[in-house]
Amino acid sequence: MVPIKQNLLSQSKYNLKVPVESCAKDMKYIVVHNTANDASAANEVAYMIRNDSSTSFNAAVDDKEIVVGIPLDKGAFAAGQRDGNAHGIHIEICYSLSGGTRFDNAEKLSLIHISEP
């Protein structure tokens, strides 16, 4: 079993990083992105939490673990459209800059967990 950890965004930053209209009952998308760098899931989430950009995501997946930064019943600002942001769960796949085995394994872990009932 892959470890799923939490390093949650402070609610004081929700006004910056979480669409106001997002809620669990309205989720209808899973939005998957590559991080375009080589940081671990823990580092990706820590960076998202500490910066003051509105760009955000719910979870990051690397080759060893999943780290949740914004609860899955909330949206994030990771998609180009407001509807996708407010009504999607946003997953970042790590180690995509260099590719290779770590990236391949991160992709596999994300697919396993997305497809589980």
Protein backbone atom coordinates (compact mmCIF):
# COMPACT_ATOMS: atom_id res chain seq x y z
CA MET A 1 0.00 0.00 0.00
CA VAL A 2 1.26 3.44 -0.93
CA PRO A 3 1.53 5.89 1.96
CA ILE A 4 -0.94 8.78 1.78
CA LYS A 5 0.22 11.69 3.93
CA GLN A 6 -1.31 15.07 4.64
CA ASN A 7 0.34 18.46 4.80
CA LEU A 8 -2.77 20.60 4.62
CA LEU A 9 -2.99 24.19 3.50
CA SER A 10 -4.04 26.55 6.29
CA GLN A 11 -7.67 27.59 5.96
CA SER A 12 -6.42 31.17 6.18
CA LYS A 13 -5.10 30.70 2.60
CA TYR A 14 -8.32 29.21 1.19
CA ASN A 15 -9.37 32.61 -0.18
CA LEU A 16 -6.21 32.57 -2.34
CA LYS A 17 -5.93 28.90 -3.36
CA VAL A 18 -9.42 27.32 -3.13
CA PRO A 19 -12.36 28.34 -5.37
CA VAL A 20 -15.17 29.63 -3.18
CA GLU A 21 -17.86 27.58 -4.91
CA SER A 22 -16.10 24.22 -4.59
CA CYS A 23 -17.61 21.47 -2.47
CA ALA A 24 -17.57 17.67 -2.37
CA LYS A 25 -21.07 17.16 -3.76
CA ASP A 26 -20.18 19.10 -6.91
CA MET A 27 -16.93 17.33 -7.83
CA LYS A 28 -17.10 15.94 -11.36
CA TYR A 29 -13.52 15.95 -12.72
CA ILE A 30 -10.10 14.53 -11.97
CA VAL A 31 -7.48 16.87 -13.40
CA VAL A 32 -3.98 15.40 -13.72
CA HIS A 33 -0.89 17.49 -14.42
CA ASN A 34 2.84 16.90 -14.56
CA THR A 35 4.80 19.17 -12.25
CA ALA A 36 7.42 20.09 -14.90
CA ASN A 37 10.21 19.75 -12.33
CA ASP A 38 11.94 17.05 -10.30
CA ALA A 39 10.74 17.69 -6.74
CA SER A 40 9.21 15.05 -4.48
CA ALA A 41 5.51 15.07 -3.57
CA ALA A 42 6.31 16.42 -0.10
CA ASN A 43 8.36 19.26 -1.57
CA GLU A 44 5.70 20.08 -4.19
CA VAL A 45 3.00 20.40 -1.54
CA ALA A 46 5.23 22.37 0.83
CA TYR A 47 6.06 24.82 -1.96
CA MET A 48 2.39 25.22 -2.92
CA ILE A 49 1.49 25.91 0.71
CA ARG A 50 4.20 28.48 1.42
CA ASN A 51 3.99 30.59 -1.75
CA ASP A 52 1.48 33.38 -2.33
CA SER A 53 0.48 32.39 -5.87
CA SER A 54 -3.11 31.29 -6.39
CA THR A 55 -1.85 28.23 -8.30
CA SER A 56 -2.75 25.17 -6.25
CA PHE A 57 -3.65 21.46 -6.37
CA ASN A 58 -5.12 18.84 -4.07
CA ALA A 59 -2.39 16.20 -4.05
CA ALA A 60 1.02 15.36 -5.43
CA VAL A 61 2.17 11.84 -6.29
CA ASP A 62 5.78 10.74 -6.53
CA ASP A 63 7.36 7.32 -6.84
CA LYS A 64 6.92 6.54 -3.12
CA GLU A 65 3.94 8.41 -1.68
CA ILE A 66 0.93 10.65 -2.14
CA VAL A 67 0.80 13.92 -0.24
CA VAL A 68 -2.51 15.77 0.11
CA GLY A 69 -2.24 19.56 0.42
CA ILE A 70 -5.88 20.60 -0.07
CA PRO A 71 -8.69 18.28 1.08
CA LEU A 72 -10.27 16.33 -1.77
CA ASP A 73 -13.67 17.91 -1.10
CA LYS A 74 -12.27 21.29 -2.17
CA GLY A 75 -11.27 22.55 -5.60
CA ALA A 76 -7.96 24.18 -6.50
CA PHE A 77 -6.60 26.62 -9.06
CA ALA A 78 -4.87 24.19 -11.42
CA ALA A 79 -7.12 24.10 -14.49
CA GLY A 80 -7.57 26.81 -17.07
CA GLN A 81 -11.33 27.10 -16.57
CA ARG A 82 -13.30 28.15 -13.51
CA ASP A 83 -15.57 25.08 -13.74
CA GLY A 84 -12.57 22.72 -13.80
CA ASN A 85 -11.01 24.49 -10.84
CA ALA A 86 -14.11 24.52 -8.67
CA HIS A 87 -15.39 21.06 -9.57
CA GLY A 88 -12.21 19.04 -10.00
CA ILE A 89 -9.77 17.13 -7.87
CA HIS A 90 -6.29 18.21 -8.99
CA ILE A 91 -3.38 15.76 -8.96
CA GLU A 92 0.24 16.67 -9.73
CA ILE A 93 2.58 13.90 -10.91
CA CYS A 94 6.16 14.48 -9.77
CA TYR A 95 9.55 14.01 -11.45
CA SER A 96 8.25 14.87 -14.92
CA LEU A 97 11.12 17.18 -15.89
CA SER A 98 13.72 14.44 -16.25
CA GLY A 99 11.33 11.54 -16.74
CA GLY A 100 12.77 8.09 -16.23
CA THR A 101 11.96 5.45 -13.65
CA ARG A 102 10.85 7.81 -10.84
CA PHE A 103 8.40 9.59 -13.14
CA ASP A 104 7.11 6.30 -14.59
CA ASN A 105 6.51 4.96 -11.07
CA ALA A 106 4.79 8.19 -10.00
CA GLU A 107 2.44 7.90 -12.98
CA LYS A 108 1.69 4.29 -12.11
CA LEU A 109 0.93 5.16 -8.47
CA SER A 110 -1.42 7.93 -9.51
CA LEU A 111 -3.32 5.66 -11.90
CA ILE A 112 -3.67 2.91 -9.31
CA HIS A 113 -5.23 5.25 -6.77
CA ILE A 114 -7.45 7.11 -9.22
CA SER A 115 -8.93 3.86 -10.46
CA GLU A 116 -9.54 2.25 -7.07
CA PRO A 117 -13.21 2.20 -6.00
